Amino acid sequence: GDITTLLDFIVESGFDGLQCLEPPWVDPYLVKKKVGDKLCLSGNIDTKFILVKSSKEEVNEAVKHAIKALGPNGGAMISPANFHPQISVERLRWMIEAANKFGNYPLHKSF
């Protein structure tokens, strides 16, 4: 769900990272802007459609979107927000391949 109202509390509580950036409820740009310099951010790959039913191109686009939102200046790990039995191992591989292809620093200027 949407945890953006808890971001200040999470930082003040002394956490170093946040792993529940679940789309579509969490705006990754807002999270990065608000706490991206204080927390390692992980997630933002959809587990209801992208990693269950989507095409390879849709997985690539989801990964690019997450990198564009969370990647600038580091501190990001591209990953699903959670795991469940319906997630496709093939799509997880596609996600990892896309993260390796598009997520190397320095990030491409198109990001």
PDB file of N, CA and C in Angstrom:
ATOM      1  N   GLY A   1       0.798  -1.186   0.000  1.00  0.00           N
ATOM      2  CA  GLY A   1       0.000   0.000   0.000  1.00  0.00           C
ATOM      3  C   GLY A   1       0.849   1.261   0.000  1.00  0.00           C
ATOM      4  N   ASP A   2       0.197   2.372   0.139  1.00  0.00           N
ATOM      5  CA  ASP A   2       0.853   3.682   0.108  1.00  0.00           C
ATOM      6  C   ASP A   2       1.488   3.991   1.456  1.00  0.00           C
ATOM      7  N   ILE A   3       2.792   3.998   1.502  1.00  0.00           N
ATOM      8  CA  ILE A   3       3.526   4.266   2.740  1.00  0.00           C
ATOM      9  C   ILE A   3       4.119   5.677   2.772  1.00  0.00           C
ATOM     10  N   THR A   4       3.754   6.513   1.812  1.00  0.00           N
ATOM     11  CA  THR A   4       4.405   7.826   1.720  1.00  0.00           C
ATOM     12  C   THR A   4       4.158   8.695   2.944  1.00  0.00           C
ATOM     13  N   THR A   5       3.033   8.527   3.618  1.00  0.00           N
ATOM     14  CA  THR A   5       2.789   9.329   4.820  1.00  0.00           C
ATOM     15  C   THR A   5       3.694   8.907   5.974  1.00  0.00           C
ATOM     16  N   LEU A   6       4.328   7.761   5.867  1.00  0.00           N
ATOM     17  CA  LEU A   6       5.196   7.250   6.931  1.00  0.00           C
ATOM     18  C   LEU A   6       6.681   7.512   6.687  1.00  0.00           C
ATOM     19  N   LEU A   7       7.028   8.146   5.577  1.00  0.00           N
ATOM     20  CA  LEU A   7       8.440   8.291   5.210  1.00  0.00           C
ATOM     21  C   LEU A   7       9.261   9.020   6.263  1.00  0.00           C
ATOM     22  N   ASP A   8       8.762  10.125   6.778  1.00  0.00           N
ATOM     23  CA  ASP A   8       9.514  10.862   7.803  1.00  0.00           C
ATOM     24  C   ASP A   8       9.726   9.997   9.042  1.00  0.00           C
ATOM     25  N   PHE A   9       8.688   9.290   9.458  1.00  0.00           N
ATOM     26  CA  PHE A   9       8.782   8.403  10.616  1.00  0.00           C
ATOM     27  C   PHE A   9       9.827   7.309  10.383  1.00  0.00           C
ATOM     28  N   ILE A  10       9.849   6.742   9.191  1.00  0.00           N
ATOM     29  CA  ILE A  10      10.806   5.680   8.865  1.00  0.00           C
ATOM     30  C   ILE A  10      12.237   6.197   8.983  1.00  0.00           C
ATOM     31  N   VAL A  11      12.495   7.378   8.447  1.00  0.00           N
ATOM     32  CA  VAL A  11      13.836   7.973   8.537  1.00  0.00           C
ATOM     33  C   VAL A  11      14.179   8.289   9.986  1.00  0.00           C
ATOM     34  N   GLU A  12      13.256   8.924  10.706  1.00  0.00           N
ATOM     35  CA  GLU A  12      13.495   9.295  12.104  1.00  0.00           C
ATOM     36  C   GLU A  12      13.715   8.078  12.994  1.00  0.00           C
ATOM     37  N   SER A  13      13.177   6.934  12.600  1.00  0.00           N
ATOM     38  CA  SER A  13      13.327   5.704  13.380  1.00  0.00           C
ATOM     39  C   SER A  13      14.688   5.052  13.190  1.00  0.00           C
ATOM     40  N   GLY A  14      15.492   5.578  12.272  1.00  0.00           N
ATOM     41  CA  GLY A  14      16.850   5.094  12.094  1.00  0.00           C
ATOM     42  C   GLY A  14      17.040   4.015  11.048  1.00  0.00           C
ATOM     43  N   PHE A  15      16.041   3.785  10.229  1.00  0.00           N
ATOM     44  CA  PHE A  15      16.185   2.781   9.174  1.00  0.00           C
ATOM     45  C   PHE A  15      17.179   3.246   8.114  1.00  0.00           C
ATOM     46  N   ASP A  16      17.843   2.284   7.472  1.00  0.00           N
ATOM     47  CA  ASP A  16      18.794   2.569   6.401  1.00  0.00           C
ATOM     48  C   ASP A  16      18.212   2.295   5.023  1.00  0.00           C
ATOM     49  N   GLY A  17      17.131   1.526   4.984  1.00  0.00           N
ATOM     50  CA  GLY A  17      16.548   1.148   3.701  1.00  0.00           C
ATOM     51  C   GLY A  17      15.050   0.969   3.794  1.00  0.00           C
ATOM     52  N   LEU A  18      14.437   0.930   2.625  1.00  0.00           N
ATOM     53  CA  LEU A  18      12.989   0.779   2.529  1.00  0.00           C
ATOM     54  C   LEU A  18      12.693  -0.169   1.378  1.00  0.00           C
ATOM     55  N   GLN A  19      11.955  -1.253   1.652  1.00  0.00           N
ATOM     56  CA  GLN A  19      11.712  -2.275   0.643  1.00  0.00           C
ATOM     57  C   GLN A  19      10.223  -2.516   0.419  1.00  0.00           C
ATOM     58  N   CYS A  20       9.437  -1.528   0.339  1.00  0.00           N
ATOM     59  CA  CYS A  20       8.015  -1.780   0.061  1.00  0.00           C
ATOM     60  C   CYS A  20       7.464  -0.712  -0.878  1.00  0.00           C
ATOM     61  N   LEU A  21       8.188  -0.442  -1.926  1.00  0.00           N
ATOM     62  CA  LEU A  21       7.756   0.567  -2.897  1.00  0.00           C
ATOM     63  C   LEU A  21       6.849  -0.101  -3.921  1.00  0.00           C
ATOM     64  N   GLU A  22       5.634  -0.382  -3.503  1.00  0.00           N
ATOM     65  CA  GLU A  22       4.710  -1.195  -4.288  1.00  0.00           C
ATOM     66  C   GLU A  22       3.893  -0.361  -5.265  1.00  0.00           C
ATOM     67  N   PRO A  23       4.116  -0.590  -6.570  1.00  0.00           N
ATOM     68  CA  PRO A  23       3.285   0.129  -7.533  1.00  0.00           C
ATOM     69  C   PRO A  23       1.890  -0.486  -7.565  1.00  0.00           C
ATOM     70  N   PRO A  24       0.872   0.226  -7.873  1.00  0.00           N
ATOM     71  CA  PRO A  24       0.843   1.635  -8.267  1.00  0.00           C
ATOM     72  C   PRO A  24       0.628   2.588  -7.102  1.00  0.00           C
ATOM     73  N   TRP A  25       0.605   2.076  -5.864  1.00  0.00           N
ATOM     74  CA  TRP A  25       0.251   2.911  -4.723  1.00  0.00           C
ATOM     75  C   TRP A  25       1.342   3.870  -4.302  1.00  0.00           C
ATOM     76  N   VAL A  26       2.578   3.540  -4.553  1.00  0.00           N
ATOM     77  CA  VAL A  26       3.693   4.376  -4.108  1.00  0.00           C
ATOM     78  C   VAL A  26       4.318   5.073  -5.309  1.00  0.00           C
ATOM     79  N   ASP A  27       4.400   6.390  -5.243  1.00  0.00           N
ATOM     80  CA  ASP A  27       5.029   7.185  -6.300  1.00  0.00           C
ATOM     81  C   ASP A  27       6.543   7.170  -6.074  1.00  0.00           C
ATOM     82  N   PRO A  28       7.300   6.461  -6.901  1.00  0.00           N
ATOM     83  CA  PRO A  28       8.738   6.355  -6.661  1.00  0.00           C
ATOM     84  C   PRO A  28       9.468   7.687  -6.773  1.00  0.00           C
ATOM     85  N   TYR A  29       8.975   8.589  -7.609  1.00  0.00           N
ATOM     86  CA  TYR A  29       9.610   9.908  -7.725  1.00  0.00           C
ATOM     87  C   TYR A  29       9.462  10.690  -6.425  1.00  0.00           C
ATOM     88  N   LEU A  30       8.292  10.627  -5.811  1.00  0.00           N
ATOM     89  CA  LEU A  30       8.055  11.309  -4.539  1.00  0.00           C
ATOM     90  C   LEU A  30       8.942  10.719  -3.445  1.00  0.00           C
ATOM     91  N   VAL A  31       9.010   9.397  -3.378  1.00  0.00           N
ATOM     92  CA  VAL A  31       9.837   8.747  -2.360  1.00  0.00           C
ATOM     93  C   VAL A  31      11.303   9.122  -2.547  1.00  0.00           C
ATOM     94  N   LYS A  32      11.797   9.066  -3.778  1.00  0.00           N
ATOM     95  CA  LYS A  32      13.197   9.417  -4.051  1.00  0.00           C
ATOM     96  C   LYS A  32      13.476  10.863  -3.651  1.00  0.00           C
ATOM     97  N   LYS A  33      12.561  11.757  -4.006  1.00  0.00           N
ATOM     98  CA  LYS A  33      12.747  13.174  -3.684  1.00  0.00           C
ATOM     99  C   LYS A  33      12.749  13.401  -2.174  1.00  0.00           C
ATOM    100  N   LYS A  34      11.865  12.721  -1.475  1.00  0.00           N
ATOM    101  CA  LYS A  34      11.694  12.971  -0.049  1.00  0.00           C
ATOM    102  C   LYS A  34      12.767  12.296   0.814  1.00  0.00           C
ATOM    103  N   VAL A  35      13.139  11.048   0.505  1.00  0.00           N
ATOM    104  CA  VAL A  35      14.062  10.324   1.383  1.00  0.00           C
ATOM    105  C   VAL A  35      15.188   9.604   0.644  1.00  0.00           C
ATOM    106  N   GLY A  36      15.313   9.835  -0.663  1.00  0.00           N
ATOM    107  CA  GLY A  36      16.310   9.123  -1.460  1.00  0.00           C
ATOM    108  C   GLY A  36      17.744   9.362  -1.049  1.00  0.00           C
ATOM    109  N   ASP A  37      18.013  10.464  -0.369  1.00  0.00           N
ATOM    110  CA  ASP A  37      19.377  10.727   0.095  1.00  0.00           C
ATOM    111  C   ASP A  37      19.616  10.168   1.497  1.00  0.00           C
ATOM    112  N   LYS A  38      18.575   9.587   2.100  1.00  0.00           N
ATOM    113  CA  LYS A  38      18.678   9.066   3.463  1.00  0.00           C
ATOM    114  C   LYS A  38      18.500   7.553   3.551  1.00  0.00           C
ATOM    115  N   LEU A  39      17.830   6.966   2.561  1.00  0.00           N
ATOM    116  CA  LEU A  39      17.514   5.540   2.593  1.00  0.00           C
ATOM    117  C   LEU A  39      17.904   4.858   1.285  1.00  0.00           C
ATOM    118  N   CYS A  40      18.306   3.612   1.383  1.00  0.00           N
ATOM    119  CA  CYS A  40      18.423   2.766   0.198  1.00  0.00           C
ATOM    120  C   CYS A  40      16.997   2.345  -0.165  1.00  0.00           C
ATOM    121  N   LEU A  41      16.623   2.507  -1.418  1.00  0.00           N
ATOM    122  CA  LEU A  41      15.252   2.239  -1.848  1.00  0.00           C
ATOM    123  C   LEU A  41      15.211   0.988  -2.713  1.00  0.00           C
ATOM    124  N   SER A  42      14.275   0.091  -2.403  1.00  0.00           N
ATOM    125  CA  SER A  42      14.186  -1.182  -3.106  1.00  0.00           C
ATOM    126  C   SER A  42      12.743  -1.467  -3.487  1.00  0.00           C
ATOM    127  N   GLY A  43      12.565  -2.007  -4.683  1.00  0.00           N
ATOM    128  CA  GLY A  43      11.219  -2.387  -5.112  1.00  0.00           C
ATOM    129  C   GLY A  43      10.792  -1.646  -6.349  1.00  0.00           C
ATOM    130  N   ASN A  44       9.509  -1.426  -6.467  1.00  0.00           N
ATOM    131  CA  ASN A  44       8.827  -0.700  -7.525  1.00  0.00           C
ATOM    132  C   ASN A  44       8.678  -1.476  -8.821  1.00  0.00           C
ATOM    133  N   ILE A  45       8.795  -2.791  -8.772  1.00  0.00           N
ATOM    134  CA  ILE A  45       8.440  -3.622  -9.918  1.00  0.00           C
ATOM    135  C   ILE A  45       7.141  -4.347  -9.564  1.00  0.00           C
ATOM    136  N   ASP A  46       6.128  -4.122 -10.363  1.00  0.00           N
ATOM    137  CA  ASP A  46       4.781  -4.641 -10.119  1.00  0.00           C
ATOM    138  C   ASP A  46       4.740  -6.167 -10.093  1.00  0.00           C
ATOM    139  N   THR A  47       4.073  -6.718  -9.089  1.00  0.00           N
ATOM    140  CA  THR A  47       3.961  -8.172  -8.958  1.00  0.00           C
ATOM    141  C   THR A  47       2.564  -8.697  -9.278  1.00  0.00           C
ATOM    142  N   LYS A  48       1.669  -7.821  -9.673  1.00  0.00           N
ATOM    143  CA  LYS A  48       0.320  -8.272 -10.036  1.00  0.00           C
ATOM    144  C   LYS A  48       0.190  -8.502 -11.536  1.00  0.00           C
ATOM    145  N   PHE A  49       0.914  -7.729 -12.345  1.00  0.00           N
ATOM    146  CA  PHE A  49       0.861  -7.893 -13.795  1.00  0.00           C
ATOM    147  C   PHE A  49       2.249  -8.103 -14.397  1.00  0.00           C
ATOM    148  N   ILE A  50       3.160  -7.167 -14.143  1.00  0.00           N
ATOM    149  CA  ILE A  50       4.462  -7.175 -14.822  1.00  0.00           C
ATOM    150  C   ILE A  50       5.190  -8.506 -14.658  1.00  0.00           C
ATOM    151  N   LEU A  51       5.279  -9.018 -13.460  1.00  0.00           N
ATOM    152  CA  LEU A  51       6.025 -10.258 -13.242  1.00  0.00           C
ATOM    153  C   LEU A  51       5.156 -11.510 -13.327  1.00  0.00           C
ATOM    154  N   VAL A  52       3.896 -11.338 -13.725  1.00  0.00           N
ATOM    155  CA  VAL A  52       2.991 -12.482 -13.850  1.00  0.00           C
ATOM    156  C   VAL A  52       2.582 -12.728 -15.295  1.00  0.00           C
ATOM    157  N   LYS A  53       2.209 -11.652 -16.024  1.00  0.00           N
ATOM    158  CA  LYS A  53       1.593 -11.825 -17.342  1.00  0.00           C
ATOM    159  C   LYS A  53       2.217 -11.003 -18.469  1.00  0.00           C
ATOM    160  N   SER A  54       3.138 -10.148 -18.181  1.00  0.00           N
ATOM    161  CA  SER A  54       3.578  -9.174 -19.181  1.00  0.00           C
ATOM    162  C   SER A  54       4.576  -9.746 -20.189  1.00  0.00           C
ATOM    163  N   SER A  55       4.785  -8.963 -21.247  1.00  0.00           N
ATOM    164  CA  SER A  55       5.783  -9.307 -22.261  1.00  0.00           C
ATOM    165  C   SER A  55       7.172  -8.877 -21.777  1.00  0.00           C
ATOM    166  N   LYS A  56       8.188  -9.347 -22.474  1.00  0.00           N
ATOM    167  CA  LYS A  56       9.557  -8.957 -22.133  1.00  0.00           C
ATOM    168  C   LYS A  56       9.730  -7.446 -22.262  1.00  0.00           C
ATOM    169  N   GLU A  57       9.143  -6.849 -23.280  1.00  0.00           N
ATOM    170  CA  GLU A  57       9.242  -5.397 -23.459  1.00  0.00           C
ATOM    171  C   GLU A  57       8.578  -4.655 -22.301  1.00  0.00           C
ATOM    172  N   GLU A  58       7.456  -5.147 -21.817  1.00  0.00           N
ATOM    173  CA  GLU A  58       6.795  -4.509 -20.670  1.00  0.00           C
ATOM    174  C   GLU A  58       7.646  -4.626 -19.411  1.00  0.00           C
ATOM    175  N   VAL A  59       8.308  -5.749 -19.227  1.00  0.00           N
ATOM    176  CA  VAL A  59       9.236  -5.885 -18.099  1.00  0.00           C
ATOM    177  C   VAL A  59      10.371  -4.872 -18.246  1.00  0.00           C
ATOM    178  N   ASN A  60      10.947  -4.775 -19.449  1.00  0.00           N
ATOM    179  CA  ASN A  60      12.014  -3.801 -19.693  1.00  0.00           C
ATOM    180  C   ASN A  60      11.558  -2.389 -19.369  1.00  0.00           C
ATOM    181  N   GLU A  61      10.364  -2.019 -19.804  1.00  0.00           N
ATOM    182  CA  GLU A  61       9.845  -0.669 -19.554  1.00  0.00           C
ATOM    183  C   GLU A  61       9.622  -0.427 -18.068  1.00  0.00           C
ATOM    184  N   ALA A  62       9.133  -1.424 -17.343  1.00  0.00           N
ATOM    185  CA  ALA A  62       8.938  -1.278 -15.896  1.00  0.00           C
ATOM    186  C   ALA A  62      10.274  -1.073 -15.191  1.00  0.00           C
ATOM    187  N   VAL A  63      11.279  -1.811 -15.610  1.00  0.00           N
ATOM    188  CA  VAL A  63      12.613  -1.666 -15.018  1.00  0.00           C
ATOM    189  C   VAL A  63      13.186  -0.288 -15.340  1.00  0.00           C
ATOM    190  N   LYS A  64      13.061   0.150 -16.580  1.00  0.00           N
ATOM    191  CA  LYS A  64      13.546   1.490 -16.953  1.00  0.00           C
ATOM    192  C   LYS A  64      12.857   2.567 -16.126  1.00  0.00           C
ATOM    193  N   HIS A  65      11.543   2.415 -15.931  1.00  0.00           N
ATOM    194  CA  HIS A  65      10.790   3.391 -15.131  1.00  0.00           C
ATOM    195  C   HIS A  65      11.326   3.424 -13.693  1.00  0.00           C
ATOM    196  N   ALA A  66      11.541   2.258 -13.103  1.00  0.00           N
ATOM    197  CA  ALA A  66      12.054   2.208 -11.733  1.00  0.00           C
ATOM    198  C   ALA A  66      13.454   2.812 -11.648  1.00  0.00           C
ATOM    199  N   ILE A  67      14.294   2.527 -12.627  1.00  0.00           N
ATOM    200  CA  ILE A  67      15.648   3.093 -12.637  1.00  0.00           C
ATOM    201  C   ILE A  67      15.594   4.607 -12.793  1.00  0.00           C
ATOM    202  N   LYS A  68      14.744   5.076 -13.689  1.00  0.00           N
ATOM    203  CA  LYS A  68      14.618   6.524 -13.893  1.00  0.00           C
ATOM    204  C   LYS A  68      14.159   7.213 -12.612  1.00  0.00           C
ATOM    205  N   ALA A  69      13.232   6.592 -11.900  1.00  0.00           N
ATOM    206  CA  ALA A  69      12.691   7.202 -10.684  1.00  0.00           C
ATOM    207  C   ALA A  69      13.634   7.082  -9.496  1.00  0.00           C
ATOM    208  N   LEU A  70      14.223   5.921  -9.305  1.00  0.00           N
ATOM    209  CA  LEU A  70      14.979   5.643  -8.085  1.00  0.00           C
ATOM    210  C   LEU A  70      16.492   5.686  -8.254  1.00  0.00           C
ATOM    211  N   GLY A  71      16.982   5.582  -9.486  1.00  0.00           N
ATOM    212  CA  GLY A  71      18.400   5.414  -9.732  1.00  0.00           C
ATOM    213  C   GLY A  71      19.307   6.613  -9.594  1.00  0.00           C
ATOM    214  N   PRO A  72      18.850   7.830  -9.939  1.00  0.00           N
ATOM    215  CA  PRO A  72      19.782   8.956  -9.897  1.00  0.00           C
ATOM    216  C   PRO A  72      20.485   9.108  -8.540  1.00  0.00           C
ATOM    217  N   ASN A  73      21.789   9.273  -8.590  1.00  0.00           N
ATOM    218  CA  ASN A  73      22.643   9.444  -7.411  1.00  0.00           C
ATOM    219  C   ASN A  73      22.751   8.191  -6.553  1.00  0.00           C
ATOM    220  N   GLY A  74      22.364   7.043  -7.079  1.00  0.00           N
ATOM    221  CA  GLY A  74      22.545   5.780  -6.369  1.00  0.00           C
ATOM    222  C   GLY A  74      21.504   5.515  -5.298  1.00  0.00           C
ATOM    223  N   GLY A  75      21.757   4.475  -4.529  1.00  0.00           N
ATOM    224  CA  GLY A  75      20.877   4.128  -3.422  1.00  0.00           C
ATOM    225  C   GLY A  75      19.630   3.371  -3.811  1.00  0.00           C
ATOM    226  N   ALA A  76      19.641   2.699  -4.964  1.00  0.00           N
ATOM    227  CA  ALA A  76      18.444   1.982  -5.409  1.00  0.00           C
ATOM    228  C   ALA A  76      18.764   0.525  -5.707  1.00  0.00           C
ATOM    229  N   MET A  77      17.803  -0.345  -5.404  1.00  0.00           N
ATOM    230  CA  MET A  77      17.860  -1.752  -5.792  1.00  0.00           C
ATOM    231  C   MET A  77      16.565  -2.058  -6.530  1.00  0.00           C
ATOM    232  N   ILE A  78      16.676  -2.476  -7.759  1.00  0.00           N
ATOM    233  CA  ILE A  78      15.500  -2.795  -8.556  1.00  0.00           C
ATOM    234  C   ILE A  78      15.052  -4.205  -8.183  1.00  0.00           C
ATOM    235  N   SER A  79      13.823  -4.309  -7.693  1.00  0.00           N
ATOM    236  CA  SER A  79      13.317  -5.604  -7.249  1.00  0.00           C
ATOM    237  C   SER A  79      11.798  -5.559  -7.172  1.00  0.00           C
ATOM    238  N   PRO A  80      11.177  -6.730  -7.081  1.00  0.00           N
ATOM    239  CA  PRO A  80       9.738  -6.737  -6.834  1.00  0.00           C
ATOM    240  C   PRO A  80       9.464  -6.215  -5.421  1.00  0.00           C
ATOM    241  N   ALA A  81       8.265  -5.703  -5.221  1.00  0.00           N
ATOM    242  CA  ALA A  81       7.881  -5.248  -3.888  1.00  0.00           C
ATOM    243  C   ALA A  81       7.621  -6.437  -2.964  1.00  0.00           C
ATOM    244  N   ASN A  82       7.310  -7.596  -3.539  1.00  0.00           N
ATOM    245  CA  ASN A  82       7.069  -8.814  -2.773  1.00  0.00           C
ATOM    246  C   ASN A  82       7.158 -10.006  -3.723  1.00  0.00           C
ATOM    247  N   PHE A  83       7.003 -11.202  -3.192  1.00  0.00           N
ATOM    248  CA  PHE A  83       7.009 -12.418  -4.010  1.00  0.00           C
ATOM    249  C   PHE A  83       5.784 -13.252  -3.684  1.00  0.00           C
ATOM    250  N   HIS A  84       5.251 -13.957  -4.675  1.00  0.00           N
ATOM    251  CA  HIS A  84       4.146 -14.892  -4.475  1.00  0.00           C
ATOM    252  C   HIS A  84       4.231 -15.970  -5.548  1.00  0.00           C
ATOM    253  N   PRO A  85       3.512 -17.065  -5.395  1.00  0.00           N
ATOM    254  CA  PRO A  85       3.660 -18.212  -6.306  1.00  0.00           C
ATOM    255  C   PRO A  85       3.330 -17.939  -7.770  1.00  0.00           C
ATOM    256  N   GLN A  86       2.536 -16.935  -8.067  1.00  0.00           N
ATOM    257  CA  GLN A  86       2.176 -16.653  -9.452  1.00  0.00           C
ATOM    258  C   GLN A  86       3.262 -15.910 -10.227  1.00  0.00           C
ATOM    259  N   ILE A  87       4.269 -15.410  -9.546  1.00  0.00           N
ATOM    260  CA  ILE A  87       5.349 -14.695 -10.228  1.00  0.00           C
ATOM    261  C   ILE A  87       6.123 -15.679 -11.102  1.00  0.00           C
ATOM    262  N   SER A  88       6.361 -15.258 -12.322  1.00  0.00           N
ATOM    263  CA  SER A  88       7.048 -16.092 -13.307  1.00  0.00           C
ATOM    264  C   SER A  88       8.564 -15.995 -13.134  1.00  0.00           C
ATOM    265  N   VAL A  89       9.216 -17.148 -13.041  1.00  0.00           N
ATOM    266  CA  VAL A  89      10.678 -17.178 -12.950  1.00  0.00           C
ATOM    267  C   VAL A  89      11.284 -16.559 -14.207  1.00  0.00           C
ATOM    268  N   GLU A  90      10.669 -16.817 -15.356  1.00  0.00           N
ATOM    269  CA  GLU A  90      11.157 -16.236 -16.608  1.00  0.00           C
ATOM    270  C   GLU A  90      11.122 -14.710 -16.551  1.00  0.00           C
ATOM    271  N   ARG A  91      10.047 -14.149 -16.026  1.00  0.00           N
ATOM    272  CA  ARG A  91       9.939 -12.692 -15.941  1.00  0.00           C
ATOM    273  C   ARG A  91      10.908 -12.119 -14.907  1.00  0.00           C
ATOM    274  N   LEU A  92      11.171 -12.864 -13.842  1.00  0.00           N
ATOM    275  CA  LEU A  92      12.205 -12.435 -12.894  1.00  0.00           C
ATOM    276  C   LEU A  92      13.562 -12.369 -13.592  1.00  0.00           C
ATOM    277  N   ARG A  93      13.848 -13.353 -14.427  1.00  0.00           N
ATOM    278  CA  ARG A  93      15.106 -13.327 -15.189  1.00  0.00           C
ATOM    279  C   ARG A  93      15.145 -12.112 -16.109  1.00  0.00           C
ATOM    280  N   TRP A  94      14.020 -11.841 -16.782  1.00  0.00           N
ATOM    281  CA  TRP A  94      13.958 -10.663 -17.658  1.00  0.00           C
ATOM    282  C   TRP A  94      14.220  -9.391 -16.853  1.00  0.00           C
ATOM    283  N   MET A  95      13.633  -9.315 -15.635  1.00  0.00           N
ATOM    284  CA  MET A  95      13.828  -8.143 -14.785  1.00  0.00           C
ATOM    285  C   MET A  95      15.310  -7.974 -14.449  1.00  0.00           C
ATOM    286  N   ILE A  96      15.963  -9.056 -14.067  1.00  0.00           N
ATOM    287  CA  ILE A  96      17.383  -9.000 -13.715  1.00  0.00           C
ATOM    288  C   ILE A  96      18.220  -8.604 -14.927  1.00  0.00           C
ATOM    289  N   GLU A  97      17.927  -9.192 -16.081  1.00  0.00           N
ATOM    290  CA  GLU A  97      18.648  -8.831 -17.309  1.00  0.00           C
ATOM    291  C   GLU A  97      18.479  -7.348 -17.626  1.00  0.00           C
ATOM    292  N   ALA A  98      17.254  -6.846 -17.507  1.00  0.00           N
ATOM    293  CA  ALA A  98      16.998  -5.431 -17.800  1.00  0.00           C
ATOM    294  C   ALA A  98      17.704  -4.531 -16.794  1.00  0.00           C
ATOM    295  N   ALA A  99      17.685  -4.908 -15.516  1.00  0.00           N
ATOM    296  CA  ALA A  99      18.376  -4.102 -14.501  1.00  0.00           C
ATOM    297  C   ALA A  99      19.874  -4.060 -14.785  1.00  0.00           C
ATOM    298  N   ASN A 100      20.441  -5.188 -15.191  1.00  0.00           N
ATOM    299  CA  ASN A 100      21.868  -5.216 -15.543  1.00  0.00           C
ATOM    300  C   ASN A 100      22.155  -4.411 -16.804  1.00  0.00           C
ATOM    301  N   LYS A 101      21.242  -4.444 -17.751  1.00  0.00           N
ATOM    302  CA  LYS A 101      21.440  -3.730 -19.013  1.00  0.00           C
ATOM    303  C   LYS A 101      21.275  -2.219 -18.859  1.00  0.00           C
ATOM    304  N   PHE A 102      20.245  -1.792 -18.151  1.00  0.00           N
ATOM    305  CA  PHE A 102      19.911  -0.365 -18.087  1.00  0.00           C
ATOM    306  C   PHE A 102      20.349   0.320 -16.793  1.00  0.00           C
ATOM    307  N   GLY A 103      20.742  -0.447 -15.776  1.00  0.00           N
ATOM    308  CA  GLY A 103      20.979   0.144 -14.470  1.00  0.00           C
ATOM    309  C   GLY A 103      22.419   0.377 -14.090  1.00  0.00           C
ATOM    310  N   ASN A 104      23.336   0.313 -15.039  1.00  0.00           N
ATOM    311  CA  ASN A 104      24.737   0.563 -14.717  1.00  0.00           C
ATOM    312  C   ASN A 104      25.014   2.063 -14.635  1.00  0.00           C
ATOM    313  N   TYR A 105      25.865   2.428 -13.683  1.00  0.00           N
ATOM    314  CA  TYR A 105      26.242   3.833 -13.535  1.00  0.00           C
ATOM    315  C   TYR A 105      27.470   4.127 -14.374  1.00  0.00           C
ATOM    316  N   PRO A 106      27.588   5.306 -14.931  1.00  0.00           N
ATOM    317  CA  PRO A 106      26.582   6.366 -14.874  1.00  0.00           C
ATOM    318  C   PRO A 106      25.362   5.991 -15.711  1.00  0.00           C
ATOM    319  N   LEU A 107      24.195   6.392 -15.214  1.00  0.00           N
ATOM    320  CA  LEU A 107      22.958   6.085 -15.922  1.00  0.00           C
ATOM    321  C   LEU A 107      22.950   6.761 -17.281  1.00  0.00           C
ATOM    322  N   HIS A 108      22.300   6.123 -18.232  1.00  0.00           N
ATOM    323  CA  HIS A 108      22.188   6.673 -19.584  1.00  0.00           C
ATOM    324  C   HIS A 108      21.524   8.045 -19.522  1.00  0.00           C
ATOM    325  N   LYS A 109      21.933   8.954 -20.386  1.00  0.00           N
ATOM    326  CA  LYS A 109      21.401  10.326 -20.381  1.00  0.00           C
ATOM    327  C   LYS A 109      19.898  10.381 -20.592  1.00  0.00           C
ATOM    328  N   SER A 110      19.318   9.335 -21.214  1.00  0.00           N
ATOM    329  CA  SER A 110      17.870   9.337 -21.420  1.00  0.00           C
ATOM    330  C   SER A 110      17.113   9.195 -20.106  1.00  0.00           C
ATOM    331  N   PHE A 111      17.824   8.782 -19.048  1.00  0.00           N
ATOM    332  CA  PHE A 111      17.192   8.701 -17.739  1.00  0.00           C
ATOM    333  C   PHE A 111      17.301  10.058 -17.104  1.00  0.00           C
TER     334      PHE A 111
END
